[in-house]
Protein backbone atom coordinates (compact mmCIF):
# COMPACT_ATOMS: atom_id res chain seq x y z
CA UNK A 1 -0.41 9.10 19.27
CA UNK A 2 -2.56 7.03 16.94
CA UNK A 3 -0.55 5.68 14.03
CA UNK A 4 -1.89 6.45 10.54
CA UNK A 5 -3.70 3.68 8.73
CA UNK A 6 -4.87 4.37 5.14
CA UNK A 7 -8.17 2.75 4.16
CA UNK A 8 -8.01 3.84 0.51
CA UNK A 9 -4.54 4.07 -1.01
CA UNK A 10 -3.55 4.80 -4.60
CA UNK A 11 -0.03 3.70 -5.45
CA UNK A 12 2.39 4.46 -8.27
CA UNK A 13 1.60 8.12 -8.92
CA UNK A 14 4.04 9.63 -11.43
CA UNK A 15 2.45 13.04 -12.13
CA UNK A 16 1.94 15.92 -9.71
CA UNK A 17 -1.43 16.80 -11.24
CA UNK A 18 -2.84 13.38 -10.35
CA UNK A 19 -2.53 14.20 -6.66
CA UNK A 20 -5.42 16.65 -6.94
CA UNK A 21 -7.82 14.02 -8.29
CA UNK A 22 -6.86 11.67 -5.46
CA UNK A 23 -7.58 14.31 -2.85
CA UNK A 24 -10.86 15.29 -4.52
CA UNK A 25 -12.00 11.65 -4.54
CA UNK A 26 -11.41 11.23 -0.82
CA UNK A 27 -8.42 8.93 -1.15
CA UNK A 28 -6.52 8.62 2.14
CA UNK A 29 -2.98 7.95 0.98
CA UNK A 30 -0.70 8.09 -2.04
CA UNK A 31 2.15 5.66 -2.61
CA UNK A 32 5.41 6.67 -4.28
CA UNK A 33 7.11 3.68 -5.91
CA UNK A 34 10.85 3.74 -5.30
CA UNK A 35 11.42 0.19 -6.60
CA UNK A 36 13.66 0.60 -9.66
CA UNK A 37 12.23 -2.44 -11.48
CA UNK A 38 8.71 -0.97 -11.44
CA UNK A 39 7.16 0.78 -14.44
CA UNK A 40 5.92 3.39 -11.93
CA UNK A 41 9.32 4.07 -10.43
CA UNK A 42 10.19 7.65 -9.49
CA UNK A 43 13.51 8.94 -8.15
CA UNK A 44 13.95 10.30 -4.64
CA UNK A 45 14.05 13.94 -5.76
CA UNK A 46 10.73 13.54 -7.57
CA UNK A 47 9.23 11.66 -4.63
CA UNK A 48 10.21 14.53 -2.32
CA UNK A 49 8.41 17.08 -4.51
CA UNK A 50 5.35 14.82 -4.71
CA UNK A 51 5.32 14.24 -0.95
CA UNK A 52 5.46 17.95 -0.17
CA UNK A 53 2.54 18.62 -2.54
CA UNK A 54 0.55 15.64 -1.26
CA UNK A 55 0.79 16.86 2.32
CA UNK A 56 -0.70 20.23 1.37
CA UNK A 57 -3.69 18.32 -0.06
CA UNK A 58 -4.19 16.28 3.10
CA UNK A 59 -2.92 13.01 1.66
CA UNK A 60 -0.91 10.56 3.71
CA UNK A 61 2.41 9.87 1.96
CA UNK A 62 3.74 6.32 1.64
CA UNK A 63 7.23 5.46 0.39
CA UNK A 64 7.27 2.03 -1.25
CA UNK A 65 10.59 0.15 -1.24
CA UNK A 66 11.72 -3.46 -1.66
CA UNK A 67 14.63 -5.10 0.14
CA UNK A 68 16.64 -1.89 0.71
CA UNK A 69 19.96 -1.87 2.51
CA UNK A 70 19.90 -0.10 5.87
CA UNK A 71 22.14 2.70 4.60
CA UNK A 72 19.91 3.30 1.57
CA UNK A 73 16.85 3.40 3.79
CA UNK A 74 18.46 5.98 6.08
CA UNK A 75 19.29 8.10 3.04
CA UNK A 76 15.70 7.85 1.78
CA UNK A 77 14.28 8.90 5.14
CA UNK A 78 16.53 11.98 5.08
CA UNK A 79 15.57 12.85 1.50
CA UNK A 80 11.80 12.21 1.31
CA UNK A 81 9.25 13.41 3.92
CA UNK A 82 7.07 10.29 3.95
CA UNK A 83 4.51 9.51 6.67
CA UNK A 84 4.56 5.73 6.28
CA UNK A 85 7.14 3.29 4.93
CA UNK A 86 5.85 0.32 2.91
CA UNK A 87 8.22 -2.63 2.75
CA UNK A 88 7.51 -4.87 -0.24
CA UNK A 89 10.18 -7.54 -0.01
CA UNK A 90 11.53 -10.03 2.51
CA UNK A 91 12.69 -7.38 4.98
CA UNK A 92 13.15 -8.51 8.60
CA UNK A 93 11.94 -6.26 11.43
CA UNK A 94 15.57 -5.73 12.48
CA UNK A 95 16.04 -3.54 9.38
CA UNK A 96 14.19 -0.70 11.12
CA UNK A 97 16.59 -0.44 14.04
CA UNK A 98 19.59 -0.88 11.75
CA UNK A 99 18.39 2.03 9.61
CA UNK A 100 17.13 4.14 12.52
CA UNK A 101 13.60 4.22 11.05
CA UNK A 102 10.86 5.19 13.52
CA UNK A 103 7.95 5.88 11.14
CA UNK A 104 4.87 3.65 10.89
CA UNK A 105 5.25 0.58 8.69
CA UNK A 106 3.02 -1.20 6.18
CA UNK A 107 4.46 -4.66 5.54
CA UNK A 108 3.50 -6.14 2.19
CA UNK A 109 2.98 -9.87 1.89
CA UNK A 110 1.88 -12.21 -0.85
CA UNK A 111 -0.42 -14.94 0.46
CA UNK A 112 -0.29 -18.06 -1.66
CA UNK A 113 0.28 -20.75 0.95
CA UNK A 114 4.08 -20.68 1.02
CA UNK A 115 5.75 -21.21 4.42
CA UNK A 116 8.00 -18.23 3.73
CA UNK A 117 4.95 -15.95 3.79
CA UNK A 118 3.73 -17.36 7.09
CA UNK A 119 7.12 -16.96 8.76
CA UNK A 120 7.46 -13.38 7.51
CA UNK A 121 4.02 -12.45 8.84
CA UNK A 122 4.75 -14.00 12.23
CA UNK A 123 8.02 -12.08 12.51
CA UNK A 124 6.23 -8.76 11.96
CA UNK A 125 2.75 -9.04 13.45
CA UNK A 126 3.66 -7.86 16.96
CA UNK A 127 6.04 -5.09 15.93
CA UNK A 128 5.17 -1.74 17.51
CA UNK A 129 5.64 0.24 14.28
CA UNK A 130 3.44 -2.01 12.14
CA UNK A 131 0.10 -0.39 11.26
CA UNK A 132 -1.09 -2.81 8.55
CA UNK A 133 -0.27 -5.82 6.44
CA UNK A 134 -0.77 -5.24 2.72
CA UNK A 135 -1.67 -8.50 0.98
CA UNK A 136 -0.79 -8.49 -2.72
CA UNK A 137 -0.42 -11.05 -5.49
CA UNK A 138 2.81 -13.03 -5.57
CA UNK A 139 5.23 -11.02 -7.75
CA UNK A 140 8.79 -11.54 -6.45
CA UNK A 141 10.53 -9.50 -9.14
CA UNK A 142 8.27 -6.45 -9.02
CA UNK A 143 6.93 -6.44 -5.47
CA UNK A 144 3.42 -5.59 -6.63
CA UNK A 145 1.76 -3.25 -9.10
CA UNK A 146 1.41 -6.01 -11.70
CA UNK A 147 -2.39 -6.03 -11.85
CA UNK A 148 -2.45 -9.70 -10.84
CA UNK A 149 -5.15 -10.58 -8.34
CA UNK A 150 -4.38 -11.75 -4.84
CA UNK A 151 -5.93 -15.06 -3.79
CA UNK A 152 -9.05 -13.85 -2.01
CA UNK A 153 -10.13 -17.37 -1.07
CA UNK A 154 -7.06 -17.72 1.17
CA UNK A 155 -7.97 -14.58 3.12
CA UNK A 156 -11.43 -15.62 4.32
CA UNK A 157 -11.46 -16.41 7.12
CA UNK A 158 -8.59 -14.09 8.04
CA UNK A 159 -5.39 -16.15 8.50
CA UNK A 160 -4.37 -16.47 12.14
CA UNK A 161 -0.79 -15.63 11.18
CA UNK A 162 -1.85 -12.06 10.39
CA UNK A 163 -2.97 -11.61 13.98
CA UNK A 164 -5.15 -8.61 14.75
CA UNK A 165 -3.20 -6.33 12.40
CA UNK A 166 -5.39 -4.40 9.90
CA UNK A 167 -5.28 -5.89 6.39
CA UNK A 168 -5.03 -3.78 3.23
CA UNK A 169 -5.94 -5.76 0.12
CA UNK A 170 -4.07 -5.13 -3.14
CA UNK A 171 -3.60 -6.96 -6.41
CA UNK A 172 -5.86 -6.57 -9.43
CA UNK A 173 -8.35 -4.25 -7.75
CA UNK A 174 -10.37 -1.78 -9.83
CA UNK A 175 -13.66 0.14 -9.55
CA UNK A 176 -15.57 -2.82 -10.93
CA UNK A 177 -14.46 -5.36 -8.30
CA UNK A 178 -13.37 -3.44 -5.19
CA UNK A 179 -16.75 -3.74 -3.47
CA UNK A 180 -16.82 -7.49 -4.06
CA UNK A 181 -13.25 -7.74 -2.78
CA UNK A 182 -14.17 -5.99 0.46
CA UNK A 183 -17.28 -8.14 0.95
CA UNK A 184 -15.34 -11.35 0.28
CA UNK A 185 -12.18 -10.72 2.32
CA UNK A 186 -13.43 -8.19 4.89
CA UNK A 187 -10.37 -6.10 4.08
CA UNK A 188 -9.79 -3.11 6.34
CA UNK A 189 -8.24 -1.12 3.50
CA UNK A 190 -7.64 -1.32 -0.25
CA UNK A 191 -4.73 -0.38 -2.47
CA UNK A 192 -4.82 0.20 -6.23
CA UNK A 193 -2.38 1.14 -8.99
CA UNK A 194 -3.09 -0.19 -12.49
CA UNK A 195 -6.83 -0.51 -11.86
CA UNK A 196 -7.34 3.27 -11.93
CA UNK A 197 -4.98 4.10 -14.80
CA UNK A 198 -5.35 5.06 -18.43
CA UNK A 199 -1.65 4.19 -18.99
CA UNK A 200 0.98 2.87 -16.56
CA UNK A 201 1.61 5.60 -14.00
CA UNK A 202 -1.12 7.88 -15.40
CA UNK A 203 -4.14 7.95 -13.11
CA UNK A 204 -7.63 8.40 -14.53
CA UNK A 205 -9.56 10.84 -12.31
CA UNK A 206 -12.94 9.25 -13.06
CA UNK A 207 -11.73 5.74 -12.21
CA UNK A 208 -10.07 6.99 -9.02
CA UNK A 209 -13.34 8.61 -7.94
CA UNK A 210 -15.38 5.47 -8.72
CA UNK A 211 -12.89 3.23 -6.93
CA UNK A 212 -13.00 5.34 -3.76
CA UNK A 213 -16.79 5.64 -3.86
CA UNK A 214 -17.39 1.92 -4.34
CA UNK A 215 -14.97 1.07 -1.53
CA UNK A 216 -16.67 3.45 0.90
CA UNK A 217 -20.11 2.12 -0.07
CA UNK A 218 -18.99 -1.47 0.55
CA UNK A 219 -17.72 -0.66 4.03
CA UNK A 220 -20.87 1.29 4.83
CA UNK A 221 -23.05 -1.60 3.67
CA UNK A 222 -21.08 -4.03 5.84
CA UNK A 223 -21.92 -1.94 8.92
CA UNK A 224 -25.64 -2.17 8.26
CA UNK A 225 -25.79 -5.95 7.95
């Protein structure tokens, strides 16, 4: 079975009605933020309702967590029907076996030159459940979603420590810069939260559509050159 890999992911949805605009725009995946410190945090019961609705619209569902205990992760897996688990902290690969998690994994990393980042990437890059690294700006307290830009210059050429794992770029992306981000970093996927919002957690349908369109156009252009 081929593991799911989202090319265009919108994270931090807090309203059911926003799922329809994501699906209409051709977005691949929606992320539900279960990190309590985030301004886009939703509780497990709400995430379950969102995931059920998202699946009917053909969206891949991604549960976003940061440094969970194994017991809490087991509870989440029982409560929310997510397709992919996104780990946004310093989680070791052993957490998956401890929690009994068998779903595909997106492992988030910041990439600012710190040895800690390199070691974390090396520990994950050959794991059988890993479908992508998500490279975000360094935000240790929030785990992402801050609107800060990742350091694109450190991602081209692709760091050897990321191996051959697909790379999803996050951090400060928006309709106005996503094409440039793809051209510069050769990202395999893109992830956005604040860049397509009118207010935190409230997605703007027009900006979502433009973001998805500009990303697809950038990938198409890269194939013709």
